[in-house]
PDB file of all heavy atoms in Angstrom:
ATOM      1  N   GLU A   1      80.206  72.618 124.159  1.00  0.00           N
ATOM      2  CA  GLU A   1      81.190  72.851 123.103  1.00  0.00           C
ATOM      3  C   GLU A   1      81.702  71.509 122.591  1.00  0.00           C
ATOM      4  O   GLU A   1      82.080  70.644 123.381  1.00  0.00           O
ATOM      5  CB  GLU A   1      82.358  73.686 123.630  1.00  0.00           C
ATOM      6  CG  GLU A   1      83.347  74.033 122.545  1.00  0.00           C
ATOM      7  CD  GLU A   1      84.422  75.010 122.998  1.00  0.00           C
ATOM      8  OE1 GLU A   1      84.418  75.408 124.172  1.00  0.00           O
ATOM      9  OE2 GLU A   1      85.269  75.350 122.168  1.00  0.00           O
ATOM     10  N   GLU A   2      81.686  71.350 121.264  1.00  0.00           N
ATOM     11  CA  GLU A   2      82.220  70.119 120.678  1.00  0.00           C
ATOM     12  C   GLU A   2      83.724  70.242 120.525  1.00  0.00           C
ATOM     13  O   GLU A   2      84.225  71.247 120.027  1.00  0.00           O
ATOM     14  CB  GLU A   2      81.576  69.840 119.310  1.00  0.00           C
ATOM     15  CG  GLU A   2      80.213  69.221 119.423  1.00  0.00           C
ATOM     16  CD  GLU A   2      79.739  68.597 118.118  1.00  0.00           C
ATOM     17  OE1 GLU A   2      80.266  68.948 117.043  1.00  0.00           O
ATOM     18  OE2 GLU A   2      78.824  67.760 118.189  1.00  0.00           O
ATOM     19  N   ILE A   3      84.398  69.202 120.978  1.00  0.00           N
ATOM     20  CA  ILE A   3      85.858  69.165 120.899  1.00  0.00           C
ATOM     21  C   ILE A   3      86.256  67.879 120.196  1.00  0.00           C
ATOM     22  O   ILE A   3      85.799  66.797 120.568  1.00  0.00           O
ATOM     23  CB  ILE A   3      86.493  69.176 122.308  1.00  0.00           C
ATOM     24  CG1 ILE A   3      86.026  70.386 123.094  1.00  0.00           C
ATOM     25  CG2 ILE A   3      88.008  69.135 122.223  1.00  0.00           C
ATOM     26  CD1 ILE A   3      86.318  70.289 124.564  1.00  0.00           C
ATOM     27  N   LYS A   4      87.085  68.021 119.178  1.00  0.00           N
ATOM     28  CA  LYS A   4      87.643  66.839 118.537  1.00  0.00           C
ATOM     29  C   LYS A   4      88.991  66.581 119.199  1.00  0.00           C
ATOM     30  O   LYS A   4      89.930  67.353 119.031  1.00  0.00           O
ATOM     31  CB  LYS A   4      87.820  67.057 117.034  1.00  0.00           C
ATOM     32  CG  LYS A   4      88.365  65.816 116.335  1.00  0.00           C
ATOM     33  CD  LYS A   4      88.436  66.023 114.836  1.00  0.00           C
ATOM     34  CE  LYS A   4      88.802  64.719 114.156  1.00  0.00           C
ATOM     35  NZ  LYS A   4      88.752  64.866 112.682  1.00  0.00           N
ATOM     36  N   LEU A   5      89.032  65.514 120.001  1.00  0.00           N
ATOM     37  CA  LEU A   5      90.287  65.156 120.656  1.00  0.00           C
ATOM     38  C   LEU A   5      91.142  64.358 119.684  1.00  0.00           C
ATOM     39  O   LEU A   5      90.715  63.328 119.165  1.00  0.00           O
ATOM     40  CB  LEU A   5      90.029  64.313 121.905  1.00  0.00           C
ATOM     41  CG  LEU A   5      89.424  65.008 123.107  1.00  0.00           C
ATOM     42  CD1 LEU A   5      89.257  64.023 124.259  1.00  0.00           C
ATOM     43  CD2 LEU A   5      90.267  66.191 123.543  1.00  0.00           C
ATOM     44  N   LEU A   6      92.334  64.840 119.420  1.00  0.00           N
ATOM     45  CA  LEU A   6      93.330  64.103 118.649  1.00  0.00           C
ATOM     46  C   LEU A   6      94.251  63.483 119.695  1.00  0.00           C
ATOM     47  O   LEU A   6      95.089  64.166 120.294  1.00  0.00           O
ATOM     48  CB  LEU A   6      94.104  65.038 117.714  1.00  0.00           C
ATOM     49  CG  LEU A   6      93.224  65.805 116.723  1.00  0.00           C
ATOM     50  CD1 LEU A   6      94.016  66.886 116.014  1.00  0.00           C
ATOM     51  CD2 LEU A   6      92.584  64.852 115.735  1.00  0.00           C
ATOM     52  N   ILE A   7      94.050  62.208 119.945  1.00  0.00           N
ATOM     53  CA  ILE A   7      94.691  61.529 121.068  1.00  0.00           C
ATOM     54  C   ILE A   7      95.970  60.846 120.595  1.00  0.00           C
ATOM     55  O   ILE A   7      95.926  59.890 119.818  1.00  0.00           O
ATOM     56  CB  ILE A   7      93.736  60.500 121.698  1.00  0.00           C
ATOM     57  CG1 ILE A   7      92.396  61.161 122.037  1.00  0.00           C
ATOM     58  CG2 ILE A   7      94.371  59.869 122.938  1.00  0.00           C
ATOM     59  CD1 ILE A   7      91.258  60.177 122.246  1.00  0.00           C
ATOM     60  N   TRP A   8      97.090  61.351 121.059  1.00  0.00           N
ATOM     61  CA  TRP A   8      98.391  60.799 120.696  1.00  0.00           C
ATOM     62  C   TRP A   8      98.788  59.765 121.749  1.00  0.00           C
ATOM     63  O   TRP A   8      99.020  60.102 122.903  1.00  0.00           O
ATOM     64  CB  TRP A   8      99.441  61.905 120.617  1.00  0.00           C
ATOM     65  CG  TRP A   8      99.343  62.740 119.378  1.00  0.00           C
ATOM     66  CD1 TRP A   8      98.223  63.342 118.876  1.00  0.00           C
ATOM     67  CD2 TRP A   8     100.396  63.067 118.489  1.00  0.00           C
ATOM     68  NE1 TRP A   8      98.527  64.021 117.733  1.00  0.00           N
ATOM     69  CE2 TRP A   8      99.855  63.880 117.472  1.00  0.00           C
ATOM     70  CE3 TRP A   8     101.756  62.767 118.464  1.00  0.00           C
ATOM     71  CZ2 TRP A   8     100.630  64.376 116.429  1.00  0.00           C
ATOM     72  CZ3 TRP A   8     102.528  63.271 117.434  1.00  0.00           C
ATOM     73  CH2 TRP A   8     101.960  64.056 116.422  1.00  0.00           C
ATOM     74  N   ASP A   9      98.842  58.525 121.325  1.00  0.00           N
ATOM     75  CA  ASP A   9      99.260  57.402 122.166  1.00  0.00           C
ATOM     76  C   ASP A   9     100.766  57.258 121.968  1.00  0.00           C
ATOM     77  O   ASP A   9     101.227  56.706 120.981  1.00  0.00           O
ATOM     78  CB  ASP A   9      98.510  56.146 121.695  1.00  0.00           C
ATOM     79  CG  ASP A   9      98.827  54.904 122.506  1.00  0.00           C
ATOM     80  OD1 ASP A   9      99.654  54.977 123.439  1.00  0.00           O
ATOM     81  OD2 ASP A   9      98.246  53.855 122.189  1.00  0.00           O
ATOM     82  N   VAL A  10     101.515  57.829 122.905  1.00  0.00           N
ATOM     83  CA  VAL A  10     102.974  57.844 122.785  1.00  0.00           C
ATOM     84  C   VAL A  10     103.531  56.532 123.313  1.00  0.00           C
ATOM     85  O   VAL A  10     103.174  56.091 124.403  1.00  0.00           O
ATOM     86  CB  VAL A  10     103.575  59.045 123.548  1.00  0.00           C
ATOM     87  CG1 VAL A  10     105.088  59.052 123.451  1.00  0.00           C
ATOM     88  CG2 VAL A  10     102.991  60.356 123.012  1.00  0.00           C
ATOM     89  N   ALA A  11     104.408  55.910 122.518  1.00  0.00           N
ATOM     90  CA  ALA A  11     104.979  54.612 122.893  1.00  0.00           C
ATOM     91  C   ALA A  11     105.520  54.657 124.311  1.00  0.00           C
ATOM     92  O   ALA A  11     106.165  55.622 124.710  1.00  0.00           O
ATOM     93  CB  ALA A  11     106.095  54.224 121.927  1.00  0.00           C
ATOM     94  N   GLY A  12     105.249  53.598 125.062  1.00  0.00           N
ATOM     95  CA  GLY A  12     105.740  53.506 126.433  1.00  0.00           C
ATOM     96  C   GLY A  12     107.250  53.373 126.451  1.00  0.00           C
ATOM     97  O   GLY A  12     107.861  52.876 125.517  1.00  0.00           O
ATOM     98  N   THR A  13     107.819  53.850 127.527  1.00  0.00           N
ATOM     99  CA  THR A  13     109.273  53.803 127.674  1.00  0.00           C
ATOM    100  C   THR A  13     109.615  53.200 129.021  1.00  0.00           C
ATOM    101  O   THR A  13     108.771  53.045 129.887  1.00  0.00           O
ATOM    102  CB  THR A  13     109.871  55.228 127.627  1.00  0.00           C
ATOM    103  OG1 THR A  13     109.323  55.992 128.704  1.00  0.00           O
ATOM    104  CG2 THR A  13     109.581  55.915 126.305  1.00  0.00           C
ATOM    105  N   SER A  14     110.876  52.879 129.167  1.00  0.00           N
ATOM    106  CA  SER A  14     111.375  52.586 130.506  1.00  0.00           C
ATOM    107  C   SER A  14     112.014  53.881 130.987  1.00  0.00           C
ATOM    108  O   SER A  14     112.195  54.815 130.199  1.00  0.00           O
ATOM    109  CB  SER A  14     112.387  51.430 130.469  1.00  0.00           C
ATOM    110  OG  SER A  14     113.441  51.729 129.591  1.00  0.00           O
ATOM    111  N   ALA A  15     112.354  53.967 132.232  1.00  0.00           N
ATOM    112  CA  ALA A  15     112.774  55.231 132.840  1.00  0.00           C
ATOM    113  C   ALA A  15     113.966  55.884 132.138  1.00  0.00           C
ATOM    114  O   ALA A  15     114.068  57.102 132.092  1.00  0.00           O
ATOM    115  CB  ALA A  15     113.089  55.019 134.316  1.00  0.00           C
ATOM    116  N   ASP A  16     114.866  55.084 131.564  1.00  0.00           N
ATOM    117  CA  ASP A  16     116.071  55.672 130.975  1.00  0.00           C
ATOM    118  C   ASP A  16     115.928  56.017 129.492  1.00  0.00           C
ATOM    119  O   ASP A  16     116.829  56.574 128.897  1.00  0.00           O
ATOM    120  CB  ASP A  16     117.270  54.740 131.190  1.00  0.00           C
ATOM    121  CG  ASP A  16     117.024  53.348 130.630  1.00  0.00           C
ATOM    122  OD1 ASP A  16     115.860  53.007 130.349  1.00  0.00           O
ATOM    123  OD2 ASP A  16     118.008  52.602 130.488  1.00  0.00           O
ATOM    124  N   GLU A  17     114.780  55.702 128.880  1.00  0.00           N
ATOM    125  CA  GLU A  17     114.562  56.012 127.471  1.00  0.00           C
ATOM    126  C   GLU A  17     113.958  57.399 127.320  1.00  0.00           C
ATOM    127  O   GLU A  17     113.208  57.850 128.162  1.00  0.00           O
ATOM    128  CB  GLU A  17     113.599  55.001 126.838  1.00  0.00           C
ATOM    129  CG  GLU A  17     114.194  53.634 126.648  1.00  0.00           C
ATOM    130  CD  GLU A  17     113.169  52.695 126.026  1.00  0.00           C
ATOM    131  OE1 GLU A  17     112.259  52.268 126.755  1.00  0.00           O
ATOM    132  OE2 GLU A  17     113.281  52.435 124.822  1.00  0.00           O
ATOM    133  N   LYS A  18     114.299  58.040 126.233  1.00  0.00           N
ATOM    134  CA  LYS A  18     113.777  59.381 125.973  1.00  0.00           C
ATOM    135  C   LYS A  18     112.749  59.335 124.852  1.00  0.00           C
ATOM    136  O   LYS A  18     112.924  58.659 123.850  1.00  0.00           O
ATOM    137  CB  LYS A  18     114.923  60.318 125.566  1.00  0.00           C
ATOM    138  CG  LYS A  18     115.986  60.490 126.657  1.00  0.00           C
ATOM    139  CD  LYS A  18     115.467  61.324 127.804  1.00  0.00           C
ATOM    140  CE  LYS A  18     116.492  61.495 128.889  1.00  0.00           C
ATOM    141  NZ  LYS A  18     116.130  60.915 130.146  1.00  0.00           N
ATOM    142  N   VAL A  19     111.675  60.082 125.030  1.00  0.00           N
ATOM    143  CA  VAL A  19     110.638  60.215 124.002  1.00  0.00           C
ATOM    144  C   VAL A  19     110.973  61.445 123.171  1.00  0.00           C
ATOM    145  O   VAL A  19     111.348  62.477 123.732  1.00  0.00           O
ATOM    146  CB  VAL A  19     109.246  60.382 124.667  1.00  0.00           C
ATOM    147  CG1 VAL A  19     108.173  60.632 123.628  1.00  0.00           C
ATOM    148  CG2 VAL A  19     108.909  59.162 125.503  1.00  0.00           C
ATOM    149  N   PRO A  20     110.866  61.359 121.843  1.00  0.00           N
ATOM    150  CA  PRO A  20     111.184  62.534 121.014  1.00  0.00           C
ATOM    151  C   PRO A  20     110.342  63.749 121.394  1.00  0.00           C
ATOM    152  O   PRO A  20     109.126  63.648 121.539  1.00  0.00           O
ATOM    153  CB  PRO A  20     110.848  62.068 119.593  1.00  0.00           C
ATOM    154  CG  PRO A  20     110.919  60.579 119.651  1.00  0.00           C
ATOM    155  CD  PRO A  20     110.490  60.198 121.043  1.00  0.00           C
ATOM    156  N   LYS A  21     111.005  64.899 121.556  1.00  0.00           N
ATOM    157  CA  LYS A  21     110.326  66.135 121.937  1.00  0.00           C
ATOM    158  C   LYS A  21     109.255  66.515 120.917  1.00  0.00           C
ATOM    159  O   LYS A  21     108.226  67.087 121.271  1.00  0.00           O
ATOM    160  CB  LYS A  21     111.348  67.265 122.099  1.00  0.00           C
ATOM    161  CG  LYS A  21     110.729  68.569 122.577  1.00  0.00           C
ATOM    162  CD  LYS A  21     111.785  69.619 122.841  1.00  0.00           C
ATOM    163  CE  LYS A  21     111.218  70.978 123.151  1.00  0.00           C
ATOM    164  NZ  LYS A  21     110.213  71.066 124.172  1.00  0.00           N
ATOM    165  N   SER A  22     109.459  66.155 119.653  1.00  0.00           N
ATOM    166  CA  SER A  22     108.508  66.532 118.600  1.00  0.00           C
ATOM    167  C   SER A  22     107.110  65.980 118.860  1.00  0.00           C
ATOM    168  O   SER A  22     106.122  66.572 118.439  1.00  0.00           O
ATOM    169  CB  SER A  22     109.007  66.054 117.235  1.00  0.00           C
ATOM    170  OG  SER A  22     109.161  64.650 117.228  1.00  0.00           O
ATOM    171  N   TYR A  23     106.994  64.844 119.577  1.00  0.00           N
ATOM    172  CA  TYR A  23     105.674  64.282 119.896  1.00  0.00           C
ATOM    173  C   TYR A  23     104.863  65.234 120.770  1.00  0.00           C
ATOM    174  O   TYR A  23     103.653  65.217 120.757  1.00  0.00           O
ATOM    175  CB  TYR A  23     105.800  62.949 120.639  1.00  0.00           C
ATOM    176  CG  TYR A  23     106.329  61.793 119.825  1.00  0.00           C
ATOM    177  CD1 TYR A  23     106.625  60.588 120.433  1.00  0.00           C
ATOM    178  CD2 TYR A  23     106.535  61.887 118.459  1.00  0.00           C
ATOM    179  CE1 TYR A  23     107.109  59.503 119.712  1.00  0.00           C
ATOM    180  CE2 TYR A  23     107.017  60.818 117.721  1.00  0.00           C
ATOM    181  CZ  TYR A  23     107.306  59.626 118.357  1.00  0.00           C
ATOM    182  OH  TYR A  23     107.782  58.566 117.637  1.00  0.00           O
ATOM    183  N   PHE A  24     105.561  66.049 121.553  1.00  0.00           N
ATOM    184  CA  PHE A  24     104.908  66.900 122.542  1.00  0.00           C
ATOM    185  C   PHE A  24     104.511  68.271 122.003  1.00  0.00           C
ATOM    186  O   PHE A  24     103.691  68.950 122.596  1.00  0.00           O
ATOM    187  CB  PHE A  24     105.829  67.085 123.761  1.00  0.00           C
ATOM    188  CG  PHE A  24     106.046  65.821 124.525  1.00  0.00           C
ATOM    189  CD1 PHE A  24     107.025  64.918 124.150  1.00  0.00           C
ATOM    190  CD2 PHE A  24     105.260  65.524 125.620  1.00  0.00           C
ATOM    191  CE1 PHE A  24     107.212  63.740 124.858  1.00  0.00           C
ATOM    192  CE2 PHE A  24     105.442  64.347 126.338  1.00  0.00           C
ATOM    193  CZ  PHE A  24     106.426  63.455 125.947  1.00  0.00           C
ATOM    194  N   LEU A  25     105.099  68.666 120.877  1.00  0.00           N
ATOM    195  CA  LEU A  25     104.856  69.999 120.335  1.00  0.00           C
ATOM    196  C   LEU A  25     103.384  70.200 119.971  1.00  0.00           C
ATOM    197  O   LEU A  25     102.775  69.336 119.352  1.00  0.00           O
ATOM    198  CB  LEU A  25     105.733  70.244 119.097  1.00  0.00           C
ATOM    199  CG  LEU A  25     107.241  70.248 119.343  1.00  0.00           C
ATOM    200  CD1 LEU A  25     107.994  70.385 118.025  1.00  0.00           C
ATOM    201  CD2 LEU A  25     107.640  71.346 120.304  1.00  0.00           C
ATOM    202  N   GLY A  26     102.841  71.340 120.363  1.00  0.00           N
ATOM    203  CA  GLY A  26     101.471  71.682 120.008  1.00  0.00           C
ATOM    204  C   GLY A  26     100.393  70.966 120.804  1.00  0.00           C
ATOM    205  O   GLY A  26      99.216  71.049 120.475  1.00  0.00           O
ATOM    206  N   SER A  27     100.782  70.281 121.866  1.00  0.00           N
ATOM    207  CA  SER A  27      99.770  69.571 122.656  1.00  0.00           C
ATOM    208  C   SER A  27      99.066  70.539 123.609  1.00  0.00           C
ATOM    209  O   SER A  27      99.668  71.464 124.128  1.00  0.00           O
ATOM    210  CB  SER A  27     100.389  68.402 123.419  1.00  0.00           C
ATOM    211  OG  SER A  27     101.448  68.849 124.219  1.00  0.00           O
TER     212      SER A  27
END
């Protein structure tokens, strides 16, 4: 099966920083 991976490289954080939830939607 052919799969087109759309690879989201989410900016790195330090432990106390929060990543926007919108980046995770639909993954």
